[in-house]
C-alpha atoms as a PDB file:
ATOM      1  CA  MET A   1      -6.406 124.151  35.889  1.00  0.00           C
ATOM      2  CA  ARG A   2      -8.366 125.562  32.867  1.00  0.00           C
ATOM      3  CA  LYS A   3      -5.138 125.200  30.923  1.00  0.00           C
ATOM      4  CA  LEU A   4      -4.804 121.623  31.735  1.00  0.00           C
ATOM      5  CA  ARG A   5      -8.378 120.879  30.844  1.00  0.00           C
ATOM      6  CA  ARG A   6      -7.840 122.609  27.523  1.00  0.00           C
ATOM      7  CA  TYR A   7      -5.235 120.010  26.579  1.00  0.00           C
ATOM      8  CA  VAL A   8      -6.804 116.879  28.157  1.00  0.00           C
ATOM      9  CA  LEU A   9     -10.195 117.065  26.493  1.00  0.00           C
ATOM     10  CA  PRO A  10      -8.770 117.074  22.808  1.00  0.00           C
ATOM     11  CA  THR A  11      -6.483 114.344  23.654  1.00  0.00           C
ATOM     12  CA  CYS A  12      -9.238 112.144  24.984  1.00  0.00           C
ATOM     13  CA  GLY A  13     -11.370 112.947  21.982  1.00  0.00           C
ATOM     14  CA  PHE A  14      -8.584 112.072  19.528  1.00  0.00           C
ATOM     15  CA  THR A  15      -8.115 108.745  21.392  1.00  0.00           C
ATOM     16  CA  VAL A  16     -11.809 107.797  21.117  1.00  0.00           C
ATOM     17  CA  LEU A  17     -11.781 108.708  17.454  1.00  0.00           C
ATOM     18  CA  VAL A  18      -8.778 106.403  16.817  1.00  0.00           C
ATOM     19  CA  VAL A  19     -10.492 103.481  18.602  1.00  0.00           C
ATOM     20  CA  ALA A  20     -13.744 103.992  16.807  1.00  0.00           C
ATOM     21  CA  LEU A  21     -11.951 103.936  13.507  1.00  0.00           C
ATOM     22  CA  LEU A  22     -10.141 100.687  14.291  1.00  0.00           C
ATOM     23  CA  LEU A  23     -13.277  98.977  15.301  1.00  0.00           C
ATOM     24  CA  ALA A  24     -15.071 100.010  12.132  1.00  0.00           C
ATOM     25  CA  SER A  25     -12.319  98.844   9.784  1.00  0.00           C
ATOM     26  CA  PRO A  26     -12.527  95.064   8.500  1.00  0.00           C
ATOM     27  CA  LEU A  27      -9.865  92.721   9.822  1.00  0.00           C
ATOM     28  CA  THR A  28      -7.329  91.480   7.305  1.00  0.00           C
ATOM     29  CA  SER A  29      -6.277  87.803   7.119  1.00  0.00           C
ATOM     30  CA  ASN A  30      -3.243  85.914   5.633  1.00  0.00           C
ATOM     31  CA  ALA A  31      -5.182  82.779   5.008  1.00  0.00           C
ATOM     32  CA  VAL A  32      -5.121  81.379   1.456  1.00  0.00           C
ATOM     33  CA  PRO A  33      -8.538  81.764  -0.363  1.00  0.00           C
ATOM     34  CA  SER A  34     -10.419  78.415  -0.662  1.00  0.00           C
ATOM     35  CA  ASP A  35     -10.307  78.428  -4.525  1.00  0.00           C
ATOM     36  CA  LYS A  36      -6.493  78.515  -4.573  1.00  0.00           C
ATOM     37  CA  ASP A  37      -4.095  75.487  -4.699  1.00  0.00           C
ATOM     38  CA  VAL A  38      -1.497  74.819  -2.081  1.00  0.00           C
ATOM     39  CA  ARG A  39       1.929  73.467  -3.166  1.00  0.00           C
ATOM     40  CA  VAL A  40       4.000  71.411  -0.695  1.00  0.00           C
ATOM     41  CA  ILE A  41       7.615  71.085  -1.476  1.00  0.00           C
ATOM     42  CA  ASN A  42       9.356  68.057   0.221  1.00  0.00           C
ATOM     43  CA  THR A  43      12.760  66.582  -0.355  1.00  0.00           C
ATOM     44  CA  THR A  44      13.299  62.934  -1.298  1.00  0.00           C
ATOM     45  CA  LEU A  45      14.400  62.343   2.299  1.00  0.00           C
ATOM     46  CA  GLU A  46      11.107  63.665   3.680  1.00  0.00           C
ATOM     47  CA  PRO A  47       8.445  62.380   1.194  1.00  0.00           C
ATOM     48  CA  VAL A  48       4.816  63.262   1.684  1.00  0.00           C
ATOM     49  CA  PRO A  49       2.902  60.011   2.702  1.00  0.00           C
ATOM     50  CA  THR A  50       0.474  59.208  -0.029  1.00  0.00           C
ATOM     51  CA  ALA A  51      -2.105  56.353  -0.872  1.00  0.00           C
ATOM     52  CA  ALA A  52      -2.129  54.884  -4.491  1.00  0.00           C
ATOM     53  CA  GLN A  53      -5.468  55.136  -6.250  1.00  0.00           C
ATOM     54  CA  GLY A  54      -6.331  52.944  -9.221  1.00  0.00           C
ATOM     55  CA  THR A  55      -3.624  51.108 -11.186  1.00  0.00           C
ATOM     56  CA  THR A  56      -0.129  51.917 -10.101  1.00  0.00           C
ATOM     57  CA  THR A  57       3.270  50.902 -11.716  1.00  0.00           C
ATOM     58  CA  ILE A  58       6.037  49.929  -9.132  1.00  0.00           C
ATOM     59  CA  ALA A  59       9.591  49.819 -10.027  1.00  0.00           C
ATOM     60  CA  GLY A  60      12.070  47.758  -8.154  1.00  0.00           C
ATOM     61  CA  SER A  61      11.533  44.986  -5.677  1.00  0.00           C
ATOM     62  CA  VAL A  62       8.308  44.475  -3.615  1.00  0.00           C
ATOM     63  CA  SER A  63       8.307  42.658  -0.293  1.00  0.00           C
ATOM     64  CA  VAL A  64       5.106  40.911   0.914  1.00  0.00           C
ATOM     65  CA  THR A  65       4.610  40.102   4.494  1.00  0.00           C
ATOM     66  CA  ASN A  66       2.070  38.277   6.550  1.00  0.00           C
ATOM     67  CA  THR A  67       1.311  35.866   3.675  1.00  0.00           C
ATOM     68  CA  PRO A  68      -1.797  37.832   2.369  1.00  0.00           C
ATOM     69  CA  THR A  69      -4.422  36.293   0.114  1.00  0.00           C
ATOM     70  CA  VAL A  70      -4.136  37.326  -3.602  1.00  0.00           C
ATOM     71  CA  ASN A  71      -7.177  37.149  -5.780  1.00  0.00           C
ATOM     72  CA  LEU A  72      -7.049  37.065  -9.579  1.00  0.00           C
ATOM     73  CA  ALA A  73      -9.495  38.807 -11.653  1.00  0.00           C
ATOM     74  CA  THR A  74     -11.734  36.689 -13.897  1.00  0.00           C
ATOM     75  CA  GLY A  75      -9.850  35.668 -16.957  1.00  0.00           C
ATOM     76  CA  ALA A  76      -6.461  36.604 -15.622  1.00  0.00           C
ATOM     77  CA  SER A  77      -3.490  34.211 -16.034  1.00  0.00           C
ATOM     78  CA  VAL A  78      -0.203  33.734 -14.218  1.00  0.00           C
ATOM     79  CA  ASN A  79       3.005  32.820 -16.037  1.00  0.00           C
ATOM     80  CA  VAL A  80       5.566  30.847 -14.013  1.00  0.00           C
ATOM     81  CA  ALA A  81       9.165  31.058 -15.468  1.00  0.00           C
ATOM     82  CA  ASN A  82      11.236  28.194 -14.171  1.00  0.00           C
ATOM     83  CA  SER A  83      14.553  26.869 -15.575  1.00  0.00           C
ATOM     84  CA  ALA A  84      15.016  23.354 -16.679  1.00  0.00           C
ATOM     85  CA  ALA A  85      17.323  22.849 -13.744  1.00  0.00           C
ATOM     86  CA  ASN A  86      14.569  24.034 -11.468  1.00  0.00           C
ATOM     87  CA  PRO A  87      11.264  22.722 -12.808  1.00  0.00           C
ATOM     88  CA  VAL A  88       7.906  23.348 -11.312  1.00  0.00           C
ATOM     89  CA  PRO A  89       6.727  20.233  -9.399  1.00  0.00           C
ATOM     90  CA  VAL A  90       3.534  18.893 -10.760  1.00  0.00           C
ATOM     91  CA  SER A  91       1.151  16.107  -9.966  1.00  0.00           C
ATOM     92  CA  PHE A  92      -1.690  14.423 -12.042  1.00  0.00           C
ATOM     93  CA  THR A  93      -5.116  15.625 -10.980  1.00  0.00           C
ATOM     94  CA  SER A  94      -6.511  12.427 -12.479  1.00  0.00           C
ATOM     95  CA  ASP A  95      -5.083   8.946 -13.055  1.00  0.00           C
ATOM     96  CA  PRO A  96      -3.910   8.774 -16.683  1.00  0.00           C
ATOM     97  CA  LEU A  97      -1.439   5.944 -15.884  1.00  0.00           C
ATOM     98  CA  GLU A  98      -2.822   2.493 -16.822  1.00  0.00           C
ATOM     99  CA  PRO A  99      -1.283  -0.098 -14.454  1.00  0.00           C
ATOM    100  CA  PHE A 100       0.273  -3.068 -16.382  1.00  0.00           C
ATOM    101  CA  GLN A 101       1.787  -6.288 -15.276  1.00  0.00           C
ATOM    102  CA  ALA A 102       2.541  -9.557 -16.979  1.00  0.00           C
ATOM    103  CA  ALA A 103       4.172 -12.981 -16.320  1.00  0.00           C
ATOM    104  CA  ALA A 104       5.391 -15.939 -18.396  1.00  0.00           C
ATOM    105  CA  SER A 105       7.187 -19.267 -17.862  1.00  0.00           C
ATOM    106  CA  THR A 106       8.901 -21.901 -19.874  1.00  0.00           C
ATOM    107  CA  THR A 107      10.425 -25.256 -19.531  1.00  0.00           C
ATOM    108  CA  GLU A 108      13.429 -26.108 -21.819  1.00  0.00           C
ATOM    109  CA  THR A 109      15.591 -29.135 -22.426  1.00  0.00           C
ATOM    110  CA  GLY A 110      18.460 -29.905 -24.857  1.00  0.00           C
ATOM    111  CA  THR A 111      19.543 -26.352 -25.008  1.00  0.00           C
ATOM    112  CA  ASN A 112      21.523 -23.770 -22.786  1.00  0.00           C
ATOM    113  CA  VAL A 113      19.969 -20.652 -24.270  1.00  0.00           C
ATOM    114  CA  SER A 114      16.250 -19.987 -23.817  1.00  0.00           C
ATOM    115  CA  THR A 115      14.058 -16.958 -24.846  1.00  0.00           C
ATOM    116  CA  LEU A 116      10.740 -16.050 -23.232  1.00  0.00           C
ATOM    117  CA  ASN A 117       8.247 -13.462 -24.542  1.00  0.00           C
ATOM    118  CA  VAL A 118       6.346 -11.964 -21.754  1.00  0.00           C
ATOM    119  CA  ALA A 119       4.176  -9.172 -23.367  1.00  0.00           C
ATOM    120  CA  THR A 120       3.264  -7.333 -26.450  1.00  0.00           C
ATOM    121  CA  VAL A 121       2.725  -3.524 -26.016  1.00  0.00           C
ATOM    122  CA  PRO A 122      -0.846  -2.496 -27.055  1.00  0.00           C
ATOM    123  CA  ALA A 123      -1.488  -0.125 -30.089  1.00  0.00           C
ATOM    124  CA  GLY A 124      -1.115   3.442 -29.200  1.00  0.00           C
ATOM    125  CA  LYS A 125       0.533   2.882 -25.898  1.00  0.00           C
ATOM    126  CA  ARG A 126       4.032   2.999 -24.399  1.00  0.00           C
ATOM    127  CA  LEU A 127       4.881   0.491 -21.719  1.00  0.00           C
ATOM    128  CA  VAL A 128       6.985   1.802 -18.897  1.00  0.00           C
ATOM    129  CA  ILE A 129       8.418  -1.057 -16.819  1.00  0.00           C
ATOM    130  CA  GLU A 130       9.319  -0.411 -13.186  1.00  0.00           C
ATOM    131  CA  PHE A 131       9.959  -3.702 -11.678  1.00  0.00           C
ATOM    132  CA  VAL A 132      11.298  -7.023 -13.042  1.00  0.00           C
ATOM    133  CA  SER A 133      11.676 -10.396 -11.450  1.00  0.00           C
ATOM    134  CA  MET A 134      13.332 -13.461 -12.978  1.00  0.00           C
ATOM    135  CA  THR A 135      13.731 -16.968 -11.669  1.00  0.00           C
ATOM    136  CA  GLY A 136      15.723 -19.798 -13.040  1.00  0.00           C
ATOM    137  CA  GLN A 137      15.825 -23.572 -11.851  1.00  0.00           C
ATOM    138  CA  VAL A 138      18.329 -25.917 -13.266  1.00  0.00           C
ATOM    139  CA  PRO A 139      19.703 -29.322 -12.407  1.00  0.00           C
ATOM    140  CA  ALA A 140      22.111 -29.508  -9.459  1.00  0.00           C
ATOM    141  CA  GLY A 141      25.721 -28.587 -10.420  1.00  0.00           C
ATOM    142  CA  GLN A 142      24.513 -26.302 -13.097  1.00  0.00           C
ATOM    143  CA  HIS A 143      24.317 -22.478 -12.877  1.00  0.00           C
ATOM    144  CA  LEU A 144      22.809 -19.523 -14.762  1.00  0.00           C
ATOM    145  CA  GLU A 145      25.252 -17.234 -16.609  1.00  0.00           C
ATOM    146  CA  ILE A 146      22.815 -14.685 -18.069  1.00  0.00           C
ATOM    147  CA  MET A 147      19.539 -13.216 -17.219  1.00  0.00           C
ATOM    148  CA  GLU A 148      18.490 -10.254 -19.320  1.00  0.00           C
ATOM    149  CA  ILE A 149      15.335  -8.505 -20.661  1.00  0.00           C
ATOM    150  CA  THR A 150      15.004  -6.824 -24.078  1.00  0.00           C
ATOM    151  CA  THR A 151      12.700  -3.916 -24.962  1.00  0.00           C
ATOM    152  CA  SER A 152      12.223  -1.668 -27.956  1.00  0.00           C
ATOM    153  CA  SER A 153      11.468   2.100 -27.800  1.00  0.00           C
ATOM    154  CA  GLY A 154      12.080   3.184 -31.426  1.00  0.00           C
ATOM    155  CA  PHE A 155      15.808   2.836 -31.469  1.00  0.00           C
ATOM    156  CA  GLY A 156      15.853  -1.080 -31.991  1.00  0.00           C
ATOM    157  CA  GLY A 157      15.947  -3.634 -29.333  1.00  0.00           C
ATOM    158  CA  VAL A 158      17.969  -3.002 -26.246  1.00  0.00           C
ATOM    159  CA  SER A 159      19.027  -5.842 -23.776  1.00  0.00           C
ATOM    160  CA  HIS A 160      19.338  -5.199 -20.009  1.00  0.00           C
ATOM    161  CA  ALA A 161      21.360  -7.626 -18.029  1.00  0.00           C
ATOM    162  CA  PHE A 162      20.662  -8.340 -14.372  1.00  0.00           C
ATOM    163  CA  VAL A 163      22.873  -9.363 -11.478  1.00  0.00           C
ATOM    164  CA  ILE A 164      22.121 -12.982 -10.722  1.00  0.00           C
ATOM    165  CA  HIS A 165      21.673 -14.218  -7.165  1.00  0.00           C
ATOM    166  CA  THR A 166      22.244 -17.831  -6.132  1.00  0.00           C
ATOM    167  CA  GLN A 167      19.316 -19.106  -3.861  1.00  0.00           C
ATOM    168  CA  PRO A 168      19.189 -22.184  -1.493  1.00  0.00           C
ATOM    169  CA  ASP A 169      18.538 -25.412  -3.489  1.00  0.00           C
ATOM    170  CA  ALA A 170      14.893 -26.531  -4.322  1.00  0.00           C
ATOM    171  CA  VAL A 171      13.331 -29.227  -2.425  1.00  0.00           C
ATOM    172  CA  SER A 172      13.981 -31.450  -5.537  1.00  0.00           C
ATOM    173  CA  GLY A 173      17.700 -30.561  -5.273  1.00  0.00           C
ATOM    174  CA  ASP A 174      17.795 -28.370  -8.278  1.00  0.00           C
ATOM    175  CA  ALA A 175      19.812 -25.204  -8.230  1.00  0.00           C
ATOM    176  CA  LEU A 176      17.810 -21.958  -7.952  1.00  0.00           C
ATOM    177  CA  PHE A 177      18.849 -18.379  -9.217  1.00  0.00           C
ATOM    178  CA  ARG A 178      16.975 -15.163  -9.071  1.00  0.00           C
ATOM    179  CA  ALA A 179      17.405 -11.589 -10.285  1.00  0.00           C
ATOM    180  CA  ASN A 180      14.880  -8.637  -9.403  1.00  0.00           C
ATOM    181  CA  GLN A 181      15.288  -4.938  -9.704  1.00  0.00           C
ATOM    182  CA  SER A 182      13.400  -1.697  -9.537  1.00  0.00           C
ATOM    183  CA  LEU A 183      14.086   0.371 -12.779  1.00  0.00           C
ATOM    184  CA  LYS A 184      12.808   2.312 -15.605  1.00  0.00           C
ATOM    185  CA  LEU A 185      12.457   0.641 -19.038  1.00  0.00           C
ATOM    186  CA  TYR A 186      10.468   1.563 -22.131  1.00  0.00           C
ATOM    187  CA  ALA A 187       8.746  -0.360 -24.777  1.00  0.00           C
ATOM    188  CA  ASN A 188       6.865   1.153 -27.710  1.00  0.00           C
ATOM    189  CA  ALA A 189       3.378   0.042 -29.102  1.00  0.00           C
ATOM    190  CA  GLY A 190       3.474  -3.255 -31.052  1.00  0.00           C
ATOM    191  CA  THR A 191       6.861  -4.347 -29.639  1.00  0.00           C
ATOM    192  CA  GLN A 192       7.778  -7.533 -27.598  1.00  0.00           C
ATOM    193  CA  VAL A 193       9.034  -7.511 -24.141  1.00  0.00           C
ATOM    194  CA  SER A 194      11.211 -10.766 -23.858  1.00  0.00           C
ATOM    195  CA  ALA A 195      13.808 -12.333 -21.675  1.00  0.00           C
ATOM    196  CA  LEU A 196      16.947 -14.445 -22.320  1.00  0.00           C
ATOM    197  CA  PHE A 197      18.329 -17.146 -20.115  1.00  0.00           C
ATOM    198  CA  ARG A 198      21.590 -18.920 -20.500  1.00  0.00           C
ATOM    199  CA  ARG A 199      22.693 -21.746 -18.345  1.00  0.00           C
ATOM    200  CA  SER A 200      26.077 -23.633 -18.079  1.00  0.00           C
ATOM    201  CA  SER A 201      24.858 -26.983 -19.680  1.00  0.00           C
ATOM    202  CA  THR A 202      22.193 -28.448 -22.072  1.00  0.00           C
ATOM    203  CA  LEU A 203      21.537 -31.476 -19.899  1.00  0.00           C
ATOM    204  CA  GLY A 204      18.268 -31.891 -18.037  1.00  0.00           C
ATOM    205  CA  LEU A 205      15.169 -29.687 -17.663  1.00  0.00           C
ATOM    206  CA  ALA A 206      15.517 -25.920 -17.131  1.00  0.00           C
ATOM    207  CA  ASN A 207      12.550 -23.868 -15.801  1.00  0.00           C
ATOM    208  CA  TYR A 208      12.403 -20.161 -16.202  1.00  0.00           C
ATOM    209  CA  HIS A 209       9.904 -17.546 -14.934  1.00  0.00           C
ATOM    210  CA  LEU A 210       9.539 -13.842 -15.561  1.00  0.00           C
ATOM    211  CA  THR A 211       7.204 -11.140 -14.093  1.00  0.00           C
ATOM    212  CA  ILE A 212       7.238  -7.471 -15.108  1.00  0.00           C
ATOM    213  CA  SER A 213       5.044  -4.518 -13.704  1.00  0.00           C
ATOM    214  CA  GLY A 214       4.659  -0.884 -14.723  1.00  0.00           C
ATOM    215  CA  TYR A 215       2.009   1.196 -16.522  1.00  0.00           C
ATOM    216  CA  LEU A 216       0.959   2.158 -19.930  1.00  0.00           C
ATOM    217  CA  VAL A 217       0.778   5.753 -21.253  1.00  0.00           C
ATOM    218  CA  ASP A 218      -0.667   7.212 -24.462  1.00  0.00           C
ATOM    219  CA  MET A 219       1.759   7.774 -27.242  1.00  0.00           C
END
């Protein structure tokens, strides 16, 4: 028994010494010191999510969803690049168009060709004609062969002929003819807008009437 005690006591003492040394030693850690950077390496298939800060340049196409509101900084501008085949729709914010209409009448006898001046375009303006109406009344048995209007837009006078429509006879028995059309004609400042009528005979009285409507624009 004494021999056993001789071996057990030293063993217990050694064990206590080892435990005491372990408790007295500082614990080591594998943590990175707070003053060191950490480098994360990801492949392009597994990018690290990031949030852009400040001004960022983006390459490629950008999709915008949910129709968000876009605010421009003060003094910023927007350039719209559209081709001539696909122009940007525009509308007037004010009313720069000056409405214009005029009418004239004449009674002729002894001739089968009559001219009628309806308007002189004001200085500094261009007249845009959008509608023309012409009426001719001639003795029974006669008919109108030509109804045309002449305008000048810097390339000399140009005559525009109209399709003539026969109307029911007037109460007096005279033959009635009319022509009217929506169109777009131009006349420059200082030029005359006139009409020409031609009937099939020189006999009796011929009454002609012409109206135009459109607008004036600055040249």
